[in-house]
Amino acid sequence: MSRSSDWQRHDAVTRIQEVLDAAKALGAQRVLDTDGRFVITFEPVKQTLEELFAKPGPFADGDVDP
């Protein structure tokens, strides 16, 4: 898997599974296009209390396991 966080669009299209895996394992991945960029991030469905308390704002229903 590539450790790079910057991808050219044509590479990202042909290696989308690697881009998604890198976003999950390493954080945001940037896909560079001719007139801008896409930022691909992974957001887990459930978060720890530590992660939730680190965010500003109210919690949404289902953010915390009972």
PDB file of N, CA and C in Angstrom:
ATOM      1  N   MET A   1       0.856  -1.191   0.000  1.00  0.00           N
ATOM      2  CA  MET A   1       0.000   0.000   0.000  1.00  0.00           C
ATOM      3  C   MET A   1       0.889   1.236   0.000  1.00  0.00           C
ATOM      4  N   SER A   2       0.501   2.197  -0.744  1.00  0.00           N
ATOM      5  CA  SER A   2       1.231   3.457  -0.804  1.00  0.00           C
ATOM      6  C   SER A   2       1.068   4.230   0.496  1.00  0.00           C
ATOM      7  N   ARG A   3       2.127   4.862   0.953  1.00  0.00           N
ATOM      8  CA  ARG A   3       2.050   5.677   2.157  1.00  0.00           C
ATOM      9  C   ARG A   3       1.819   7.139   1.809  1.00  0.00           C
ATOM     10  N   SER A   4       1.810   7.446   0.529  1.00  0.00           N
ATOM     11  CA  SER A   4       1.604   8.817   0.099  1.00  0.00           C
ATOM     12  C   SER A   4       0.182   9.266   0.397  1.00  0.00           C
ATOM     13  N   SER A   5       0.057  10.539   0.749  1.00  0.00           N
ATOM     14  CA  SER A   5      -1.287  11.070   0.959  1.00  0.00           C
ATOM     15  C   SER A   5      -1.741  11.877  -0.252  1.00  0.00           C
ATOM     16  N   ASP A   6      -0.903  12.014  -1.257  1.00  0.00           N
ATOM     17  CA  ASP A   6      -1.249  12.726  -2.486  1.00  0.00           C
ATOM     18  C   ASP A   6      -1.279  11.747  -3.655  1.00  0.00           C
ATOM     19  N   TRP A   7      -2.371  11.773  -4.389  1.00  0.00           N
ATOM     20  CA  TRP A   7      -2.564  10.883  -5.533  1.00  0.00           C
ATOM     21  C   TRP A   7      -2.963  11.721  -6.740  1.00  0.00           C
ATOM     22  N   GLN A   8      -2.481  11.358  -7.908  1.00  0.00           N
ATOM     23  CA  GLN A   8      -2.992  11.939  -9.141  1.00  0.00           C
ATOM     24  C   GLN A   8      -4.315  11.239  -9.441  1.00  0.00           C
ATOM     25  N   ARG A   9      -5.250  11.953 -10.038  1.00  0.00           N
ATOM     26  CA  ARG A   9      -6.586  11.395 -10.258  1.00  0.00           C
ATOM     27  C   ARG A   9      -6.545  10.084 -11.029  1.00  0.00           C
ATOM     28  N   HIS A  10      -5.773  10.013 -12.096  1.00  0.00           N
ATOM     29  CA  HIS A  10      -5.742   8.793 -12.904  1.00  0.00           C
ATOM     30  C   HIS A  10      -5.204   7.614 -12.102  1.00  0.00           C
ATOM     31  N   ASP A  11      -4.246   7.848 -11.193  1.00  0.00           N
ATOM     32  CA  ASP A  11      -3.750   6.777 -10.325  1.00  0.00           C
ATOM     33  C   ASP A  11      -4.806   6.374  -9.303  1.00  0.00           C
ATOM     34  N   ALA A  12      -5.486   7.348  -8.730  1.00  0.00           N
ATOM     35  CA  ALA A  12      -6.507   7.064  -7.720  1.00  0.00           C
ATOM     36  C   ALA A  12      -7.658   6.256  -8.317  1.00  0.00           C
ATOM     37  N   VAL A  13      -8.018   6.543  -9.546  1.00  0.00           N
ATOM     38  CA  VAL A  13      -9.111   5.822 -10.201  1.00  0.00           C
ATOM     39  C   VAL A  13      -8.740   4.350 -10.367  1.00  0.00           C
ATOM     40  N   THR A  14      -7.530   4.088 -10.808  1.00  0.00           N
ATOM     41  CA  THR A  14      -7.119   2.697 -11.047  1.00  0.00           C
ATOM     42  C   THR A  14      -6.730   1.976  -9.761  1.00  0.00           C
ATOM     43  N   ARG A  15      -6.443   2.728  -8.698  1.00  0.00           N
ATOM     44  CA  ARG A  15      -6.009   2.119  -7.431  1.00  0.00           C
ATOM     45  C   ARG A  15      -6.916   2.544  -6.271  1.00  0.00           C
ATOM     46  N   ILE A  16      -8.224   2.629  -6.528  1.00  0.00           N
ATOM     47  CA  ILE A  16      -9.164   3.164  -5.544  1.00  0.00           C
ATOM     48  C   ILE A  16      -9.134   2.384  -4.235  1.00  0.00           C
ATOM     49  N   GLN A  17      -8.976   1.060  -4.296  1.00  0.00           N
ATOM     50  CA  GLN A  17      -8.926   0.274  -3.057  1.00  0.00           C
ATOM     51  C   GLN A  17      -7.744   0.702  -2.193  1.00  0.00           C
ATOM     52  N   GLU A  18      -6.604   0.971  -2.802  1.00  0.00           N
ATOM     53  CA  GLU A  18      -5.437   1.446  -2.054  1.00  0.00           C
ATOM     54  C   GLU A  18      -5.684   2.824  -1.440  1.00  0.00           C
ATOM     55  N   VAL A  19      -6.352   3.692  -2.193  1.00  0.00           N
ATOM     56  CA  VAL A  19      -6.667   5.030  -1.682  1.00  0.00           C
ATOM     57  C   VAL A  19      -7.567   4.919  -0.451  1.00  0.00           C
ATOM     58  N   LEU A  20      -8.604   4.099  -0.542  1.00  0.00           N
ATOM     59  CA  LEU A  20      -9.521   3.926   0.580  1.00  0.00           C
ATOM     60  C   LEU A  20      -8.837   3.281   1.780  1.00  0.00           C
ATOM     61  N   ASP A  21      -8.026   2.262   1.533  1.00  0.00           N
ATOM     62  CA  ASP A  21      -7.298   1.617   2.627  1.00  0.00           C
ATOM     63  C   ASP A  21      -6.337   2.590   3.301  1.00  0.00           C
ATOM     64  N   ALA A  22      -5.671   3.417   2.497  1.00  0.00           N
ATOM     65  CA  ALA A  22      -4.745   4.406   3.056  1.00  0.00           C
ATOM     66  C   ALA A  22      -5.491   5.448   3.885  1.00  0.00           C
ATOM     67  N   ALA A  23      -6.671   5.861   3.435  1.00  0.00           N
ATOM     68  CA  ALA A  23      -7.463   6.822   4.210  1.00  0.00           C
ATOM     69  C   ALA A  23      -7.852   6.229   5.561  1.00  0.00           C
ATOM     70  N   LYS A  24      -8.175   4.956   5.571  1.00  0.00           N
ATOM     71  CA  LYS A  24      -8.563   4.292   6.818  1.00  0.00           C
ATOM     72  C   LYS A  24      -7.368   4.110   7.749  1.00  0.00           C
ATOM     73  N   ALA A  25      -6.244   3.713   7.208  1.00  0.00           N
ATOM     74  CA  ALA A  25      -5.074   3.404   8.029  1.00  0.00           C
ATOM     75  C   ALA A  25      -4.203   4.613   8.349  1.00  0.00           C
ATOM     76  N   LEU A  26      -4.105   5.543   7.419  1.00  0.00           N
ATOM     77  CA  LEU A  26      -3.121   6.624   7.544  1.00  0.00           C
ATOM     78  C   LEU A  26      -3.710   8.019   7.662  1.00  0.00           C
ATOM     79  N   GLY A  27      -5.007   8.154   7.413  1.00  0.00           N
ATOM     80  CA  GLY A  27      -5.622   9.480   7.471  1.00  0.00           C
ATOM     81  C   GLY A  27      -5.958  10.003   6.084  1.00  0.00           C
ATOM     82  N   ALA A  28      -6.311  11.263   6.024  1.00  0.00           N
ATOM     83  CA  ALA A  28      -6.808  11.888   4.798  1.00  0.00           C
ATOM     84  C   ALA A  28      -5.871  11.677   3.611  1.00  0.00           C
ATOM     85  N   GLN A  29      -6.487  11.375   2.475  1.00  0.00           N
ATOM     86  CA  GLN A  29      -5.769  11.212   1.215  1.00  0.00           C
ATOM     87  C   GLN A  29      -6.269  12.280   0.255  1.00  0.00           C
ATOM     88  N   ARG A  30      -5.343  12.944  -0.431  1.00  0.00           N
ATOM     89  CA  ARG A  30      -5.704  13.995  -1.378  1.00  0.00           C
ATOM     90  C   ARG A  30      -5.550  13.459  -2.803  1.00  0.00           C
ATOM     91  N   VAL A  31      -6.606  13.638  -3.586  1.00  0.00           N
ATOM     92  CA  VAL A  31      -6.580  13.245  -4.994  1.00  0.00           C
ATOM     93  C   VAL A  31      -6.574  14.533  -5.801  1.00  0.00           C
ATOM     94  N   LEU A  32      -5.469  14.748  -6.505  1.00  0.00           N
ATOM     95  CA  LEU A  32      -5.275  15.989  -7.253  1.00  0.00           C
ATOM     96  C   LEU A  32      -5.928  15.893  -8.622  1.00  0.00           C
ATOM     97  N   ASP A  33      -6.733  16.879  -8.961  1.00  0.00           N
ATOM     98  CA  ASP A  33      -7.425  16.966 -10.229  1.00  0.00           C
ATOM     99  C   ASP A  33      -6.873  18.192 -10.961  1.00  0.00           C
ATOM    100  N   THR A  34      -7.255  18.396 -12.200  1.00  0.00           N
ATOM    101  CA  THR A  34      -6.727  19.522 -12.958  1.00  0.00           C
ATOM    102  C   THR A  34      -7.179  20.871 -12.415  1.00  0.00           C
ATOM    103  N   ASP A  35      -8.350  20.921 -11.768  1.00  0.00           N
ATOM    104  CA  ASP A  35      -8.842  22.210 -11.288  1.00  0.00           C
ATOM    105  C   ASP A  35      -9.142  22.216  -9.786  1.00  0.00           C
ATOM    106  N   GLY A  36      -8.540  21.300  -9.053  1.00  0.00           N
ATOM    107  CA  GLY A  36      -8.748  21.258  -7.608  1.00  0.00           C
ATOM    108  C   GLY A  36      -8.288  19.939  -7.036  1.00  0.00           C
ATOM    109  N   ARG A  37      -8.849  19.594  -5.883  1.00  0.00           N
ATOM    110  CA  ARG A  37      -8.490  18.327  -5.274  1.00  0.00           C
ATOM    111  C   ARG A  37      -9.675  17.781  -4.485  1.00  0.00           C
ATOM    112  N   PHE A  38      -9.668  16.487  -4.341  1.00  0.00           N
ATOM    113  CA  PHE A  38     -10.619  15.777  -3.495  1.00  0.00           C
ATOM    114  C   PHE A  38      -9.867  15.378  -2.235  1.00  0.00           C
ATOM    115  N   VAL A  39     -10.541  15.394  -1.106  1.00  0.00           N
ATOM    116  CA  VAL A  39      -9.946  14.910   0.129  1.00  0.00           C
ATOM    117  C   VAL A  39     -10.795  13.732   0.585  1.00  0.00           C
ATOM    118  N   ILE A  40     -10.156  12.581   0.689  1.00  0.00           N
ATOM    119  CA  ILE A  40     -10.860  11.368   1.061  1.00  0.00           C
ATOM    120  C   ILE A  40     -10.465  11.005   2.487  1.00  0.00           C
ATOM    121  N   THR A  41     -11.468  10.908   3.346  1.00  0.00           N
ATOM    122  CA  THR A  41     -11.233  10.567   4.741  1.00  0.00           C
ATOM    123  C   THR A  41     -12.091   9.372   5.127  1.00  0.00           C
ATOM    124  N   PHE A  42     -11.702   8.725   6.211  1.00  0.00           N
ATOM    125  CA  PHE A  42     -12.460   7.609   6.762  1.00  0.00           C
ATOM    126  C   PHE A  42     -13.018   8.040   8.103  1.00  0.00           C
ATOM    127  N   GLU A  43     -14.313   7.827   8.302  1.00  0.00           N
ATOM    128  CA  GLU A  43     -14.947   8.143   9.577  1.00  0.00           C
ATOM    129  C   GLU A  43     -15.597   6.873  10.113  1.00  0.00           C
ATOM    130  N   PRO A  44     -15.092   6.352  11.235  1.00  0.00           N
ATOM    131  CA  PRO A  44     -15.666   5.119  11.771  1.00  0.00           C
ATOM    132  C   PRO A  44     -17.111   5.328  12.220  1.00  0.00           C
ATOM    133  N   VAL A  45     -17.882   4.276  12.184  1.00  0.00           N
ATOM    134  CA  VAL A  45     -19.288   4.347  12.569  1.00  0.00           C
ATOM    135  C   VAL A  45     -19.410   4.629  14.065  1.00  0.00           C
ATOM    136  N   LYS A  46     -18.654   3.919  14.885  1.00  0.00           N
ATOM    137  CA  LYS A  46     -18.675   4.115  16.336  1.00  0.00           C
ATOM    138  C   LYS A  46     -17.343   4.701  16.768  1.00  0.00           C
ATOM    139  N   GLN A  47     -17.384   5.547  17.776  1.00  0.00           N
ATOM    140  CA  GLN A  47     -16.181   6.192  18.280  1.00  0.00           C
ATOM    141  C   GLN A  47     -16.063   5.963  19.773  1.00  0.00           C
ATOM    142  N   THR A  48     -14.846   6.066  20.267  1.00  0.00           N
ATOM    143  CA  THR A  48     -14.641   5.955  21.708  1.00  0.00           C
ATOM    144  C   THR A  48     -15.112   7.244  22.374  1.00  0.00           C
ATOM    145  N   LEU A  49     -15.331   7.183  23.675  1.00  0.00           N
ATOM    146  CA  LEU A  49     -15.720   8.390  24.408  1.00  0.00           C
ATOM    147  C   LEU A  49     -14.641   9.456  24.297  1.00  0.00           C
ATOM    148  N   GLU A  50     -13.394   9.049  24.318  1.00  0.00           N
ATOM    149  CA  GLU A  50     -12.292  10.015  24.182  1.00  0.00           C
ATOM    150  C   GLU A  50     -12.387  10.768  22.856  1.00  0.00           C
ATOM    151  N   GLU A  51     -12.670  10.050  21.765  1.00  0.00           N
ATOM    152  CA  GLU A  51     -12.815  10.693  20.465  1.00  0.00           C
ATOM    153  C   GLU A  51     -14.024  11.626  20.440  1.00  0.00           C
ATOM    154  N   LEU A  52     -15.121  11.196  21.052  1.00  0.00           N
ATOM    155  CA  LEU A  52     -16.321  12.032  21.063  1.00  0.00           C
ATOM    156  C   LEU A  52     -16.109  13.308  21.862  1.00  0.00           C
ATOM    157  N   PHE A  53     -15.474  13.211  23.028  1.00  0.00           N
ATOM    158  CA  PHE A  53     -15.260  14.389  23.862  1.00  0.00           C
ATOM    159  C   PHE A  53     -14.243  15.351  23.255  1.00  0.00           C
ATOM    160  N   ALA A  54     -13.435  14.871  22.327  1.00  0.00           N
ATOM    161  CA  ALA A  54     -12.456  15.733  21.668  1.00  0.00           C
ATOM    162  C   ALA A  54     -13.103  16.618  20.613  1.00  0.00           C
ATOM    163  N   LYS A  55     -14.331  16.272  20.186  1.00  0.00           N
ATOM    164  CA  LYS A  55     -15.033  17.036  19.152  1.00  0.00           C
ATOM    165  C   LYS A  55     -15.906  18.117  19.777  1.00  0.00           C
ATOM    166  N   PRO A  56     -16.022  19.250  19.108  1.00  0.00           N
ATOM    167  CA  PRO A  56     -16.961  20.268  19.591  1.00  0.00           C
ATOM    168  C   PRO A  56     -18.390  19.896  19.207  1.00  0.00           C
ATOM    169  N   GLY A  57     -19.340  20.438  19.928  1.00  0.00           N
ATOM    170  CA  GLY A  57     -20.740  20.281  19.544  1.00  0.00           C
ATOM    171  C   GLY A  57     -21.445  19.125  20.229  1.00  0.00           C
ATOM    172  N   PRO A  58     -22.751  19.021  19.998  1.00  0.00           N
ATOM    173  CA  PRO A  58     -23.562  17.982  20.637  1.00  0.00           C
ATOM    174  C   PRO A  58     -23.330  16.612  19.993  1.00  0.00           C
ATOM    175  N   PHE A  59     -23.662  15.572  20.747  1.00  0.00           N
ATOM    176  CA  PHE A  59     -23.570  14.212  20.224  1.00  0.00           C
ATOM    177  C   PHE A  59     -24.837  13.884  19.455  1.00  0.00           C
ATOM    178  N   ALA A  60     -24.710  13.053  18.439  1.00  0.00           N
ATOM    179  CA  ALA A  60     -25.877  12.582  17.690  1.00  0.00           C
ATOM    180  C   ALA A  60     -26.327  11.246  18.261  1.00  0.00           C
ATOM    181  N   ASP A  61     -27.609  10.937  18.100  1.00  0.00           N
ATOM    182  CA  ASP A  61     -28.112   9.636  18.540  1.00  0.00           C
ATOM    183  C   ASP A  61     -27.307   8.536  17.876  1.00  0.00           C
ATOM    184  N   GLY A  62     -26.941   7.527  18.631  1.00  0.00           N
ATOM    185  CA  GLY A  62     -26.199   6.405  18.085  1.00  0.00           C
ATOM    186  C   GLY A  62     -24.705   6.591  18.075  1.00  0.00           C
ATOM    187  N   ASP A  63     -24.184   7.735  18.549  1.00  0.00           N
ATOM    188  CA  ASP A  63     -22.747   7.951  18.582  1.00  0.00           C
ATOM    189  C   ASP A  63     -22.055   7.117  19.653  1.00  0.00           C
ATOM    190  N   VAL A  64     -22.795   6.761  20.706  1.00  0.00           N
ATOM    191  CA  VAL A  64     -22.191   6.042  21.828  1.00  0.00           C
ATOM    192  C   VAL A  64     -22.956   4.755  22.049  1.00  0.00           C
ATOM    193  N   ASP A  65     -22.211   3.653  22.255  1.00  0.00           N
ATOM    194  CA  ASP A  65     -22.859   2.397  22.617  1.00  0.00           C
ATOM    195  C   ASP A  65     -23.438   2.503  24.014  1.00  0.00           C
ATOM    196  N   PRO A  66     -24.621   1.923  24.259  1.00  0.00           N
ATOM    197  CA  PRO A  66     -25.228   1.985  25.599  1.00  0.00           C
ATOM    198  C   PRO A  66     -24.436   1.176  26.603  1.00  0.00           C
TER     199      PRO A  66
END
